[in-house]
């Protein structure tokens, strides 16, 4: 099985994690083990790397890749959602607090490139978009069963699509003649709904926001993110780092606001001379502005252009 994945912001993540050879590290979104393989190479005896992914293909590929690395450190790969990290770590017998955690919220290159997964608007494939293929609910279910108002909501809120209502209306009209089964059909719907003269002038695909919205809805990517980040911080040792890579403004806004709140949880009015709420900072911000890809990385991997890295350290 081929599972190709270029890790984005690799050096920035490795620097941000401040890896200790005897440390315990968690890669919450294992993918093709691009980040994990480099973390593992930096660990020695007593070190441990744990990887989590929802995708069974990713788990299999990661095990093979990590097994080929000559190191005395241990590693284990767990199938599941990083939102359930405490339970997954417990099931693996890992009771040590963590020295570093990495979360890469992007879709892997493998998922985009395997047309049958239905993530890409460049191929005509079954409407799927499930990161966990054991999950019954897919993009096909949303497109064919959700109401116009529900479709409008996710396209507007998850895709930030200005033409959400028009696209939702055309979806509902088209499915009257038969189920919408493929990504090609969905692209043609978006093409019919957005007048050409109003399309973005930056060369971006008109269906990009629609596909983003459906993927987020299928995989429930946003609503659990803030509580998951808070849980991950709770798993860190003092001085441990949490690095999160986002790929669109909705994710980045949640990460930014969560990190700011964890770093400054005080709810006292600004007019108060001293804090009386008693809420203490849990982290310090290592990056006050997001780290983005260098020109050299963008030349090698154009998919890194929208990546943003934010880092906090537990107090």
Protein backbone atom coordinates (compact mmCIF):
# COMPACT_ATOMS: atom_id res chain seq x y z
CA UNK A 1 0.00 0.00 0.00
CA UNK A 2 1.34 3.42 -0.95
CA UNK A 3 0.71 6.18 1.57
CA UNK A 4 2.50 9.33 0.45
CA UNK A 5 2.39 12.34 2.72
CA UNK A 6 4.62 15.41 2.88
CA UNK A 7 4.67 16.72 6.46
CA UNK A 8 4.06 20.45 6.54
CA UNK A 9 6.13 22.83 8.68
CA UNK A 10 8.26 19.85 9.72
CA UNK A 11 11.30 21.70 11.04
CA UNK A 12 9.12 24.28 12.76
CA UNK A 13 7.19 21.51 14.54
CA UNK A 14 10.35 19.70 15.63
CA UNK A 15 11.78 22.94 17.00
CA UNK A 16 8.47 23.77 18.66
CA UNK A 17 8.23 20.42 20.41
CA UNK A 18 11.73 20.88 21.91
CA UNK A 19 12.18 17.10 21.85
CA UNK A 20 13.96 15.36 24.73
CA UNK A 21 15.47 11.92 23.95
CA UNK A 22 13.73 10.33 26.96
CA UNK A 23 10.43 12.15 26.46
CA UNK A 24 6.94 10.89 25.68
CA UNK A 25 5.32 12.36 22.57
CA UNK A 26 1.88 12.09 21.03
CA UNK A 27 1.11 12.61 17.35
CA UNK A 28 -2.66 13.05 17.34
CA UNK A 29 -3.01 12.90 13.55
CA UNK A 30 -0.53 10.25 12.48
CA UNK A 31 -1.23 10.23 8.74
CA UNK A 32 1.73 8.78 6.84
CA UNK A 33 3.99 9.28 9.89
CA UNK A 34 5.90 12.11 8.23
CA UNK A 35 6.14 14.11 11.44
CA UNK A 36 6.23 11.01 13.67
CA UNK A 37 9.16 9.41 11.89
CA UNK A 38 11.30 12.48 12.53
CA UNK A 39 10.19 12.65 16.17
CA UNK A 40 11.04 8.97 16.64
CA UNK A 41 14.53 9.47 15.19
CA UNK A 42 15.22 11.98 17.95
CA UNK A 43 14.17 9.68 20.78
CA UNK A 44 16.47 7.31 22.63
CA UNK A 45 16.11 4.61 25.31
CA UNK A 46 13.24 5.52 27.58
CA UNK A 47 11.57 7.61 24.87
CA UNK A 48 8.08 6.81 23.64
CA UNK A 49 6.07 7.92 20.63
CA UNK A 50 2.31 7.33 20.42
CA UNK A 51 0.40 7.99 17.20
CA UNK A 52 -3.38 8.26 16.76
CA UNK A 53 -5.37 8.25 13.53
CA UNK A 54 -8.93 7.49 12.45
CA UNK A 55 -7.80 6.09 9.11
CA UNK A 56 -6.96 2.36 9.07
CA UNK A 57 -4.75 2.87 5.99
CA UNK A 58 -2.76 5.50 7.87
CA UNK A 59 -2.25 3.21 10.86
CA UNK A 60 -0.96 0.36 8.68
CA UNK A 61 1.38 2.61 6.67
CA UNK A 62 2.66 4.37 9.79
CA UNK A 63 3.51 1.09 11.52
CA UNK A 64 5.56 0.00 8.52
CA UNK A 65 7.38 3.30 8.27
CA UNK A 66 8.13 3.62 11.97
CA UNK A 67 9.25 -0.02 12.20
CA UNK A 68 11.94 0.70 9.62
CA UNK A 69 13.56 3.37 11.79
CA UNK A 70 16.50 2.08 13.80
CA UNK A 71 15.95 3.47 17.29
CA UNK A 72 15.81 2.18 20.82
CA UNK A 73 12.72 4.25 21.53
CA UNK A 74 9.32 2.58 21.62
CA UNK A 75 6.31 3.52 19.55
CA UNK A 76 2.69 2.46 19.26
CA UNK A 77 -0.05 3.34 16.76
CA UNK A 78 -3.65 3.60 17.94
CA UNK A 79 -6.75 3.79 15.77
CA UNK A 80 -9.25 6.37 16.99
CA UNK A 81 -10.04 10.06 17.27
CA UNK A 82 -7.61 12.30 19.15
CA UNK A 83 -10.64 13.82 20.90
CA UNK A 84 -10.57 10.55 22.87
CA UNK A 85 -6.83 10.71 23.59
CA UNK A 86 -7.02 10.00 27.36
CA UNK A 87 -8.99 6.78 26.84
CA UNK A 88 -6.79 5.68 23.95
CA UNK A 89 -3.61 6.26 25.94
CA UNK A 90 -5.06 4.35 28.87
CA UNK A 91 -6.00 1.44 26.61
CA UNK A 92 -2.38 1.30 25.43
CA UNK A 93 -1.09 1.21 29.00
CA UNK A 94 0.51 4.67 28.75
CA UNK A 95 0.21 6.36 32.13
CA UNK A 96 3.07 8.87 31.79
CA UNK A 97 2.34 12.54 31.27
CA UNK A 98 3.41 13.85 27.88
CA UNK A 99 6.36 16.04 26.95
CA UNK A 100 4.93 17.09 23.62
CA UNK A 101 1.81 16.78 21.48
CA UNK A 102 1.38 17.47 17.77
CA UNK A 103 -1.96 17.97 16.02
CA UNK A 104 -2.01 18.38 12.23
CA UNK A 105 -5.60 19.19 11.31
CA UNK A 106 -5.12 18.91 7.54
CA UNK A 107 -6.34 16.20 5.20
CA UNK A 108 -3.42 13.92 4.32
CA UNK A 109 -1.99 13.82 0.82
CA UNK A 110 -3.03 10.16 0.63
CA UNK A 111 -6.66 10.97 1.33
CA UNK A 112 -6.65 13.73 -1.28
CA UNK A 113 -4.85 11.67 -3.91
CA UNK A 114 -6.86 8.45 -3.63
CA UNK A 115 -9.83 9.43 -5.77
CA UNK A 116 -12.14 6.79 -4.25
CA UNK A 117 -12.02 8.63 -0.91
CA UNK A 118 -14.02 11.49 -2.45
CA UNK A 119 -12.11 14.37 -0.85
CA UNK A 120 -10.96 16.03 -4.07
CA UNK A 121 -12.97 18.22 -6.40
CA UNK A 122 -10.45 17.50 -9.19
CA UNK A 123 -11.62 13.90 -9.71
CA UNK A 124 -14.99 12.30 -10.38
CA UNK A 125 -15.41 9.81 -7.55
CA UNK A 126 -18.02 8.56 -5.08
CA UNK A 127 -19.13 11.24 -2.60
CA UNK A 128 -17.48 10.02 0.59
CA UNK A 129 -15.04 12.27 2.54
CA UNK A 130 -14.91 9.98 5.60
CA UNK A 131 -11.58 10.03 7.43
CA UNK A 132 -12.70 6.90 9.24
CA UNK A 133 -14.07 4.54 6.61
CA UNK A 134 -15.68 2.44 9.32
CA UNK A 135 -18.06 5.35 9.88
CA UNK A 136 -21.44 4.88 8.18
CA UNK A 137 -22.22 8.58 7.67
CA UNK A 138 -20.72 10.14 4.50
CA UNK A 139 -20.95 13.25 2.34
CA UNK A 140 -23.49 11.43 0.17
CA UNK A 141 -25.87 11.28 3.14
CA UNK A 142 -25.60 15.01 3.76
CA UNK A 143 -26.08 16.02 0.14
CA UNK A 144 -29.07 13.74 -0.42
CA UNK A 145 -30.95 13.94 2.89
CA UNK A 146 -30.30 17.26 4.61
CA UNK A 147 -32.76 20.11 4.12
CA UNK A 148 -31.97 23.25 2.17
CA UNK A 149 -31.66 25.22 5.42
CA UNK A 150 -29.25 22.66 6.91
CA UNK A 151 -27.14 22.63 3.76
CA UNK A 152 -27.11 26.42 3.67
CA UNK A 153 -25.95 26.50 7.31
CA UNK A 154 -22.95 24.21 6.88
CA UNK A 155 -21.89 25.81 3.59
CA UNK A 156 -22.12 29.25 5.20
CA UNK A 157 -20.61 28.39 8.60
CA UNK A 158 -18.08 25.68 7.69
CA UNK A 159 -17.17 26.80 4.18
CA UNK A 160 -17.65 30.56 4.58
CA UNK A 161 -19.32 30.31 1.19
CA UNK A 162 -21.06 33.52 0.05
CA UNK A 163 -23.23 31.54 -2.36
CA UNK A 164 -24.33 29.00 0.24
CA UNK A 165 -28.06 29.50 -0.23
CA UNK A 166 -27.88 29.24 -4.00
CA UNK A 167 -25.74 26.09 -3.87
CA UNK A 168 -28.07 24.49 -1.30
CA UNK A 169 -31.07 25.29 -3.49
CA UNK A 170 -29.50 23.76 -6.61
CA UNK A 171 -28.51 20.64 -4.63
CA UNK A 172 -32.12 20.18 -3.54
CA UNK A 173 -33.42 20.76 -7.08
CA UNK A 174 -30.95 18.34 -8.70
CA UNK A 175 -31.55 15.49 -6.25
CA UNK A 176 -35.26 15.44 -7.14
CA UNK A 177 -34.24 13.74 -10.40
CA UNK A 178 -32.12 11.15 -8.58
CA UNK A 179 -29.46 10.81 -5.89
CA UNK A 180 -26.28 12.88 -6.13
CA UNK A 181 -23.63 10.16 -6.04
CA UNK A 182 -20.32 11.63 -7.18
CA UNK A 183 -17.93 14.51 -6.62
CA UNK A 184 -18.27 15.37 -10.31
CA UNK A 185 -22.02 15.88 -9.90
CA UNK A 186 -21.41 18.13 -6.90
CA UNK A 187 -18.84 20.20 -8.80
CA UNK A 188 -21.33 20.69 -11.63
CA UNK A 189 -23.93 21.86 -9.09
CA UNK A 190 -21.56 24.46 -7.67
CA UNK A 191 -20.66 25.51 -11.21
CA UNK A 192 -24.34 26.07 -11.98
CA UNK A 193 -25.01 27.93 -8.71
CA UNK A 194 -22.20 30.51 -8.77
CA UNK A 195 -22.29 33.01 -11.65
CA UNK A 196 -18.91 33.07 -13.38
CA UNK A 197 -18.56 36.84 -13.09
CA UNK A 198 -18.71 36.61 -9.28
CA UNK A 199 -16.09 33.90 -8.82
CA UNK A 200 -12.86 34.48 -6.92
CA UNK A 201 -10.14 36.07 -9.00
CA UNK A 202 -7.34 34.22 -7.21
CA UNK A 203 -7.67 31.11 -9.32
CA UNK A 204 -9.15 29.00 -6.52
CA UNK A 205 -11.62 26.29 -7.52
CA UNK A 206 -15.26 27.41 -7.13
CA UNK A 207 -16.12 24.16 -5.30
CA UNK A 208 -13.30 24.45 -2.75
CA UNK A 209 -15.44 25.96 0.02
CA UNK A 210 -18.31 23.53 -0.56
CA UNK A 211 -16.00 20.52 -0.29
CA UNK A 212 -14.39 21.97 2.83
CA UNK A 213 -17.77 22.46 4.47
CA UNK A 214 -18.95 18.93 3.70
CA UNK A 215 -15.68 17.38 4.91
CA UNK A 216 -15.91 19.28 8.21
CA UNK A 217 -19.53 18.22 8.69
CA UNK A 218 -18.90 14.56 7.81
CA UNK A 219 -15.97 14.26 10.22
CA UNK A 220 -17.30 16.59 12.95
CA UNK A 221 -14.06 18.53 12.91
CA UNK A 222 -14.92 21.84 14.60
CA UNK A 223 -17.34 21.48 17.52
CA UNK A 224 -15.16 19.09 19.58
CA UNK A 225 -11.91 20.96 18.83
CA UNK A 226 -11.82 23.42 21.76
CA UNK A 227 -12.59 20.83 24.48
CA UNK A 228 -10.10 18.45 22.83
CA UNK A 229 -7.35 21.09 22.99
CA UNK A 230 -8.07 21.70 26.67
CA UNK A 231 -7.93 17.96 27.32
CA UNK A 232 -4.59 17.67 25.51
CA UNK A 233 -3.09 20.47 27.60
CA UNK A 234 -4.16 18.50 30.67
CA UNK A 235 -2.10 15.53 29.46
CA UNK A 236 1.14 17.54 29.30
CA UNK A 237 3.89 17.64 31.89
CA UNK A 238 4.95 21.12 33.07
CA UNK A 239 7.12 22.50 30.27
CA UNK A 240 5.47 20.21 27.71
CA UNK A 241 4.54 21.71 24.36
CA UNK A 242 1.35 21.51 22.28
CA UNK A 243 1.79 22.26 18.56
CA UNK A 244 -1.29 22.61 16.34
CA UNK A 245 -1.30 23.03 12.55
CA UNK A 246 -4.46 24.44 10.98
CA UNK A 247 -5.41 24.90 7.33
CA UNK A 248 -8.32 27.32 7.31
CA UNK A 249 -9.51 30.33 9.26
CA UNK A 250 -12.26 28.49 11.17
CA UNK A 251 -9.80 26.03 12.74
CA UNK A 252 -7.19 28.69 13.35
CA UNK A 253 -9.67 30.97 15.10
CA UNK A 254 -10.67 28.19 17.50
CA UNK A 255 -7.04 27.31 18.25
CA UNK A 256 -6.02 30.94 18.68
CA UNK A 257 -8.89 31.79 21.03
CA UNK A 258 -8.49 28.59 23.05
CA UNK A 259 -4.77 29.15 23.51
CA UNK A 260 -5.33 32.79 24.49
CA UNK A 261 -7.95 31.79 27.03
CA UNK A 262 -5.70 29.12 28.51
CA UNK A 263 -2.87 31.64 28.74
CA UNK A 264 -5.08 34.35 30.26
CA UNK A 265 -8.24 32.84 31.79
CA UNK A 266 -8.94 35.78 34.12
CA UNK A 267 -12.56 36.94 33.87
CA UNK A 268 -12.23 40.02 36.08
CA UNK A 269 -13.29 43.37 34.59
CA UNK A 270 -10.33 45.31 33.24
CA UNK A 271 -11.08 48.06 35.75
CA UNK A 272 -10.14 45.76 38.66
CA UNK A 273 -6.64 46.58 39.96
CA UNK A 274 -5.96 42.90 40.83
CA UNK A 275 -7.43 39.56 39.84
CA UNK A 276 -10.11 38.25 42.21
CA UNK A 277 -11.56 35.43 40.05
CA UNK A 278 -8.70 33.14 40.99
CA UNK A 279 -8.28 31.66 37.52
CA UNK A 280 -4.61 30.99 36.80
CA UNK A 281 -2.88 30.64 33.43
CA UNK A 282 -2.34 27.03 32.35
CA UNK A 283 0.01 27.74 29.43
CA UNK A 284 2.25 30.38 27.99
CA UNK A 285 2.12 31.32 24.33
CA UNK A 286 5.25 30.32 22.43
CA UNK A 287 3.91 31.76 19.18
CA UNK A 288 1.83 34.91 19.42
CA UNK A 289 1.37 34.90 15.65
CA UNK A 290 1.03 31.75 13.54
CA UNK A 291 4.12 30.27 11.92
CA UNK A 292 3.68 29.76 8.17
CA UNK A 293 5.60 27.90 5.48
CA UNK A 294 8.80 29.28 3.99
CA UNK A 295 9.15 30.04 0.30
CA UNK A 296 11.41 26.97 -0.03
CA UNK A 297 8.75 24.68 1.47
CA UNK A 298 6.01 26.15 -0.69
CA UNK A 299 8.07 25.41 -3.79
CA UNK A 300 8.33 21.75 -2.76
CA UNK A 301 4.82 21.40 -1.32
CA UNK A 302 2.20 23.92 -2.52
CA UNK A 303 -0.37 22.34 -0.16
CA UNK A 304 1.49 23.98 2.72
CA UNK A 305 0.44 27.47 1.61
CA UNK A 306 -2.54 27.63 3.97
CA UNK A 307 -0.84 25.93 6.94
CA UNK A 308 -0.50 27.84 10.22
CA UNK A 309 1.32 26.56 13.31
CA UNK A 310 0.54 27.71 16.87
CA UNK A 311 2.44 26.51 19.95
CA UNK A 312 1.86 26.73 23.70
CA UNK A 313 3.86 25.42 26.67
CA UNK A 314 2.23 24.11 29.82
CA UNK A 315 3.11 26.03 32.99
